[in-house]
Amino acid sequence: MHETGHSFEKLLIAEFPEIYQNLLESRYLIGNAEQTREKMFALDFLHGKESRLDYYLSSFKEFIAENYLMYVANGEVFRRFISSIDGDEKAGWQKVYSNFSKGFNCFEYK
């Protein structure tokens, strides 16, 4: 599913550049990874949550691919995570989620 997120990124760049730009802006709202690590969302797959965080914080391409995975695989958990934080980070994550929703024609996964 993560790899499909890379294809989704290419689709956004080609067909929905405004969504791609919004995602890029939202990443900056979330903040510096080292300062806000507890306000980052990652699922505990394969090598654990921390390795997933390291991976997707390494580049924006990975950020999109991992959030694609989280949006599709665990939408409800993703929404609960967003409701559990506050401040600029919450606004950033709400923007991430909202833009993924737009990319899926407002379809939400459970």
Protein backbone atom coordinates (compact mmCIF):
# COMPACT_ATOMS: atom_id res chain seq x y z
CA MET A 1 0.00 0.00 0.00
CA HIS A 2 2.89 2.36 0.75
CA GLU A 3 4.19 1.94 -2.80
CA THR A 4 0.76 2.81 -4.18
CA GLY A 5 1.14 6.06 -2.26
CA HIS A 6 4.04 6.96 -4.55
CA SER A 7 1.73 6.53 -7.55
CA PHE A 8 -0.87 8.64 -5.76
CA GLU A 9 1.75 11.39 -5.35
CA LYS A 10 2.46 11.35 -9.09
CA LEU A 11 -1.27 11.59 -9.78
CA LEU A 12 -1.54 14.59 -7.45
CA ILE A 13 1.38 16.34 -9.12
CA ALA A 14 -0.02 15.75 -12.62
CA GLU A 15 -3.75 16.12 -12.07
CA PHE A 16 -4.29 17.87 -8.74
CA PRO A 17 -1.36 20.23 -8.12
CA GLU A 18 -3.37 22.32 -5.66
CA ILE A 19 -3.85 19.27 -3.41
CA TYR A 20 -0.14 18.47 -3.67
CA GLN A 21 0.76 22.06 -2.73
CA ASN A 22 -1.68 21.98 0.20
CA LEU A 23 -0.05 18.79 1.47
CA LEU A 24 3.36 20.37 1.22
CA GLU A 25 2.17 23.40 3.19
CA SER A 26 0.50 21.21 5.81
CA ARG A 27 3.76 19.33 6.37
CA TYR A 28 5.32 22.61 7.49
CA LEU A 29 2.40 23.32 9.85
CA ILE A 30 3.07 20.01 11.56
CA GLY A 31 6.53 21.28 12.43
CA ASN A 32 10.01 20.05 13.06
CA ALA A 33 10.07 16.29 13.46
CA GLU A 34 12.44 16.34 16.41
CA GLN A 35 10.37 18.93 18.29
CA THR A 36 6.98 17.40 17.59
CA ARG A 37 7.71 13.70 17.29
CA GLU A 38 4.93 12.86 19.75
CA LYS A 39 2.52 14.69 17.43
CA MET A 40 3.46 12.56 14.45
CA PHE A 41 1.30 9.69 13.31
CA ALA A 42 2.68 6.34 12.25
CA LEU A 43 1.33 2.82 12.34
CA ASP A 44 3.21 -0.02 13.97
CA PHE A 45 3.86 -2.15 10.88
CA LEU A 46 6.73 -4.53 10.27
CA HIS A 47 9.71 -2.78 11.92
CA GLY A 48 7.75 -0.73 14.46
CA LYS A 49 6.34 2.76 14.74
CA GLU A 50 9.69 4.49 15.29
CA SER A 51 11.22 3.13 12.10
CA ARG A 52 8.10 4.15 10.14
CA LEU A 53 8.40 7.66 11.59
CA ASP A 54 12.08 7.88 10.66
CA TYR A 55 11.29 6.68 7.17
CA TYR A 56 8.45 9.04 6.39
CA LEU A 57 10.08 12.03 8.01
CA SER A 58 13.12 11.56 5.77
CA SER A 59 11.46 13.11 2.69
CA PHE A 60 8.21 14.60 1.50
CA LYS A 61 7.74 11.74 -0.99
CA GLU A 62 7.81 9.26 1.89
CA PHE A 63 5.51 11.50 3.94
CA ILE A 64 2.88 11.28 1.19
CA ALA A 65 3.33 7.53 0.66
CA GLU A 66 3.06 6.76 4.38
CA ASN A 67 0.05 9.00 4.88
CA TYR A 68 -1.60 7.33 1.89
CA LEU A 69 -1.07 4.02 3.67
CA MET A 70 -2.48 5.38 6.92
CA TYR A 71 -5.48 7.04 5.26
CA VAL A 72 -6.44 3.84 3.45
CA ALA A 73 -5.44 1.21 6.01
CA ASN A 74 -6.58 2.91 9.22
CA GLY A 75 -8.76 5.93 8.50
CA GLU A 76 -10.57 5.76 11.82
CA VAL A 77 -7.33 5.53 13.80
CA PHE A 78 -5.94 8.42 11.74
CA ARG A 79 -8.99 10.56 12.62
CA ARG A 80 -8.71 9.67 16.33
CA PHE A 81 -5.05 10.65 16.29
CA ILE A 82 -5.90 14.06 14.81
CA SER A 83 -8.57 14.67 17.44
CA SER A 84 -6.07 13.82 20.21
CA ILE A 85 -3.57 16.62 19.46
CA ASP A 86 -3.78 20.41 19.43
CA GLY A 87 -2.21 23.58 18.12
CA ASP A 88 -0.52 24.08 14.76
CA GLU A 89 0.19 20.37 14.55
CA LYS A 90 -3.52 19.58 14.72
CA ALA A 91 -4.25 22.17 12.03
CA GLY A 92 -1.51 20.62 9.90
CA TRP A 93 -2.82 17.08 10.32
CA GLN A 94 -6.39 18.21 9.64
CA LYS A 95 -5.13 19.74 6.41
CA VAL A 96 -3.29 16.53 5.51
CA TYR A 97 -6.40 14.45 6.13
CA SER A 98 -8.68 16.89 4.31
CA ASN A 99 -6.47 16.89 1.24
CA PHE A 100 -6.23 13.11 1.17
CA SER A 101 -10.01 13.05 1.40
CA LYS A 102 -10.22 15.37 -1.61
CA GLY A 103 -7.85 13.07 -3.47
CA PHE A 104 -10.29 10.22 -2.80
CA ASN A 105 -13.39 12.20 -3.85
CA CYS A 106 -14.23 12.61 -0.14
CA PHE A 107 -14.38 8.86 0.43
CA GLU A 108 -13.29 7.95 3.96
CA TYR A 109 -12.01 4.55 5.02
CA LYS A 110 -12.86 2.99 8.37
